[in-house]
Protein backbone atom coordinates (compact mmCIF):
# COMPACT_ATOMS: atom_id res chain seq x y z
CA MET A 1 -21.76 -27.35 32.98
CA SER A 2 -19.70 -25.84 35.77
CA GLY A 3 -18.40 -22.31 35.84
CA LYS A 4 -14.82 -23.37 35.14
CA TRP A 5 -13.40 -22.45 31.76
CA MET A 6 -10.18 -24.01 30.51
CA SER A 7 -7.68 -23.29 27.77
CA VAL A 8 -7.16 -25.84 25.00
CA ILE A 9 -3.92 -26.89 26.73
CA GLU A 10 -5.78 -27.62 29.97
CA VAL A 11 -8.46 -29.53 28.04
CA ALA A 12 -5.72 -31.56 26.34
CA GLN A 13 -4.15 -32.44 29.68
CA GLU A 14 -7.51 -33.43 31.20
CA ALA A 15 -8.43 -35.56 28.16
CA GLY A 16 -5.00 -37.17 27.96
CA LEU A 17 -4.28 -35.77 24.50
CA SER A 18 -1.35 -33.92 23.07
CA GLU A 19 -1.75 -30.17 22.69
CA ILE A 20 -1.51 -30.42 18.89
CA THR A 21 -4.22 -33.12 18.73
CA ALA A 22 -6.53 -31.09 21.00
CA LYS A 23 -6.05 -27.99 18.81
CA ARG A 24 -6.74 -30.05 15.68
CA TYR A 25 -9.95 -31.45 17.21
CA ALA A 26 -10.97 -27.94 18.31
CA ASN A 27 -10.52 -26.67 14.75
CA GLN A 28 -12.23 -29.63 13.06
CA PHE A 29 -15.10 -30.12 15.52
CA GLY A 30 -15.45 -26.62 16.99
CA GLU A 31 -19.17 -26.52 16.33
CA TYR A 32 -19.70 -29.28 18.90
CA LEU A 33 -17.57 -27.70 21.61
CA ASP A 34 -18.83 -25.27 24.20
CA TYR A 35 -16.49 -22.29 24.45
CA ARG A 36 -16.46 -18.64 25.27
CA ILE A 37 -14.13 -15.92 24.19
CA PHE A 38 -12.43 -14.02 26.99
CA GLY A 39 -10.64 -11.10 25.40
CA ARG A 40 -8.44 -12.75 22.77
CA PHE A 41 -8.57 -16.26 24.20
CA LYS A 42 -10.98 -19.16 23.75
CA LYS A 43 -11.87 -20.97 26.93
CA TYR A 44 -13.66 -24.31 26.86
CA SER A 45 -16.19 -25.72 29.33
CA THR A 46 -15.48 -28.86 31.35
CA GLU A 47 -17.90 -30.74 29.06
CA THR A 48 -15.34 -30.25 26.28
CA VAL A 49 -13.01 -32.75 27.99
CA ARG A 50 -15.65 -35.49 27.60
CA ILE A 51 -16.32 -34.56 23.96
CA MET A 52 -12.59 -34.45 23.12
CA THR A 53 -12.17 -37.90 24.71
CA GLN A 54 -15.08 -39.20 22.64
CA ILE A 55 -13.61 -37.69 19.45
CA SER A 56 -10.24 -39.26 20.26
CA SER A 57 -11.75 -42.73 20.73
CA LEU A 58 -13.74 -42.41 17.48
CA ASP A 59 -10.59 -41.24 15.69
CA GLN A 60 -8.64 -44.22 17.04
CA GLU A 61 -11.39 -46.53 15.76
CA GLY A 62 -10.51 -45.25 12.30
CA LEU A 63 -13.63 -43.18 11.60
CA SER A 64 -13.34 -40.30 9.15
CA ILE A 65 -13.99 -36.68 10.08
CA THR A 66 -17.42 -36.86 8.41
CA GLU A 67 -18.34 -40.02 10.31
CA ILE A 68 -17.18 -38.52 13.61
CA SER A 69 -19.24 -35.40 12.88
CA GLU A 70 -22.34 -37.54 12.23
CA LYS A 71 -21.79 -39.41 15.52
CA LEU A 72 -21.38 -36.14 17.40
CA LYS A 73 -24.56 -34.74 15.84
CA ASN A 74 -26.47 -37.71 17.15
CA ASP A 75 -24.84 -37.71 20.59
CA ILE A 76 -24.71 -33.99 21.33
CA LYS A 77 -27.86 -31.88 21.38
CA ILE A 78 -27.09 -28.46 19.98
CA ASN A 79 -29.16 -25.67 21.42
CA GLU A 80 -31.30 -24.85 18.37
CA SER A 81 -33.02 -21.87 19.92
CA LYS A 82 -29.70 -20.01 19.87
CA GLY A 83 -28.49 -21.81 16.78
CA THR A 84 -25.18 -22.64 18.43
CA ASN A 85 -23.72 -23.71 21.72
CA LYS A 86 -20.97 -21.12 21.65
CA HIS A 87 -21.11 -18.22 24.06
CA TYR A 88 -19.16 -15.05 23.65
CA GLN A 89 -18.27 -13.11 26.72
CA THR A 90 -16.17 -10.04 26.99
CA ASN A 91 -14.85 -8.78 30.27
CA ILE A 92 -14.23 -5.20 29.23
CA PRO A 93 -14.89 -2.71 32.03
CA LEU A 94 -17.51 -0.08 31.36
CA VAL A 95 -14.98 2.71 32.00
CA VAL A 96 -12.83 1.43 29.13
CA LEU A 97 -15.84 1.35 26.81
CA VAL A 98 -16.82 4.89 27.80
CA ASN A 99 -13.26 6.08 27.14
CA LEU A 100 -13.25 4.35 23.77
CA LEU A 101 -16.56 5.95 22.85
CA GLU A 102 -15.26 9.37 23.88
CA LEU A 103 -12.18 8.86 21.71
CA LEU A 104 -14.40 7.76 18.84
CA VAL A 105 -16.59 10.85 19.18
CA LYS A 106 -13.47 13.05 19.29
CA ALA A 107 -12.09 11.37 16.17
CA LEU A 108 -15.41 11.77 14.34
CA ASN A 109 -15.50 15.47 15.27
CA GLN A 110 -11.97 15.89 13.92
CA ILE A 111 -13.00 14.15 10.70
CA ALA A 112 -16.04 16.42 10.38
CA SER A 113 -13.84 19.48 10.95
CA ALA A 114 -11.36 18.27 8.34
CA LEU A 115 -14.20 17.73 5.86
CA ASP A 116 -15.49 21.27 6.51
CA GLN A 117 -12.01 22.65 5.84
CA LEU A 118 -11.81 20.60 2.68
CA VAL A 119 -15.10 22.01 1.41
CA ALA A 120 -13.91 25.54 2.18
CA GLN A 121 -10.62 24.91 0.39
CA GLU A 122 -12.45 23.51 -2.64
CA ALA A 123 -14.57 26.68 -2.82
CA GLU A 124 -11.43 28.84 -2.52
CA LEU A 125 -9.73 26.76 -5.21
CA ALA A 126 -12.68 27.29 -7.56
CA THR A 127 -12.47 31.05 -6.92
CA LEU A 128 -8.72 31.07 -7.58
CA ARG A 129 -9.17 29.11 -10.81
CA GLU A 130 -11.69 31.69 -11.99
CA GLU A 131 -9.28 34.51 -11.14
CA VAL A 132 -6.47 32.78 -13.05
CA LYS A 133 -8.78 32.40 -16.02
CA GLN A 134 -9.64 36.11 -15.95
CA LEU A 135 -5.96 37.08 -15.58
CA ARG A 136 -5.05 34.95 -18.58
CA GLN A 137 -7.75 36.65 -20.63
CA ARG A 138 -6.46 40.08 -19.56
CA LEU A 139 -2.90 39.03 -20.41
CA GLU A 140 -3.97 37.91 -23.88
CA GLN A 141 -5.80 41.20 -24.43
CA THR A 142 -2.78 43.16 -23.23
CA GLU A 143 -0.45 41.19 -25.48
CA GLU A 144 -2.74 41.82 -28.46
CA THR A 145 -2.86 45.56 -27.70
CA TYR A 146 0.90 45.73 -27.28
CA HIS A 147 1.40 43.84 -30.53
CA HIS A 148 -0.88 46.26 -32.38
CA LYS A 149 0.95 49.30 -30.93
CA THR A 150 4.32 47.83 -31.84
CA VAL A 151 3.21 47.14 -35.36
CA TYR A 152 1.68 50.64 -35.68
CA THR A 153 4.68 52.51 -34.29
CA GLY A 154 7.01 50.31 -36.26
CA SER A 155 5.18 51.14 -39.50
CA LEU A 156 5.30 54.87 -38.71
CA SER A 157 9.02 54.84 -38.11
CA GLU A 158 9.51 52.99 -41.38
CA LYS A 159 7.32 55.48 -43.18
CA TYR A 160 9.15 58.56 -41.90
CA LYS A 161 12.56 57.04 -41.70
CA CYS A 162 15.38 59.48 -42.04
CA THR A 163 18.99 58.74 -42.68
CA GLN A 164 20.27 61.30 -40.22
CA SER A 165 19.47 61.69 -36.60
CA TRP A 166 17.27 64.58 -35.54
CA TRP A 167 19.98 66.61 -33.83
CA LYS A 168 22.24 66.46 -36.89
CA ARG A 169 19.41 67.66 -39.00
CA LEU A 170 18.60 70.41 -36.53
CA PHE A 171 22.14 71.79 -36.24
CA LYS A 172 22.92 71.58 -39.97
CA GLN A 173 20.41 74.18 -40.86
């Protein structure tokens, strides 16, 4: 296998296939194709051109997908030590990874700070709920006391009710 990696369009051109047919073969028989992922793109080895040509000829003979897969299993030796012949390669510079890790650490620190604030606010909320509870109890006690005083003073005024006001009574004598 050479060091050249091609897109599915380039493989299609080399194999003499349409782009749509090459993409269909890549989806159906991807396990038999040698490719690497460069960023967001799949690139295929030059060996893929030979395999795509073989798939095309088997397809033109009228073989089903299952039959083509069986033929490919027999013809292509899959690297069993790795379990697959696919290689993933990323060309991300180390500086970018370091920057991403620094951003991740910063974000995690912000999350930790937010969680600490949340815990503090929950404790403050519990304290405020307790204060509200105590204020309600004091309000109920105050209302009961006021009610008793009102009833008591009301009963006294009824008991000693006079028909004339105090100043009329005072100046009449």
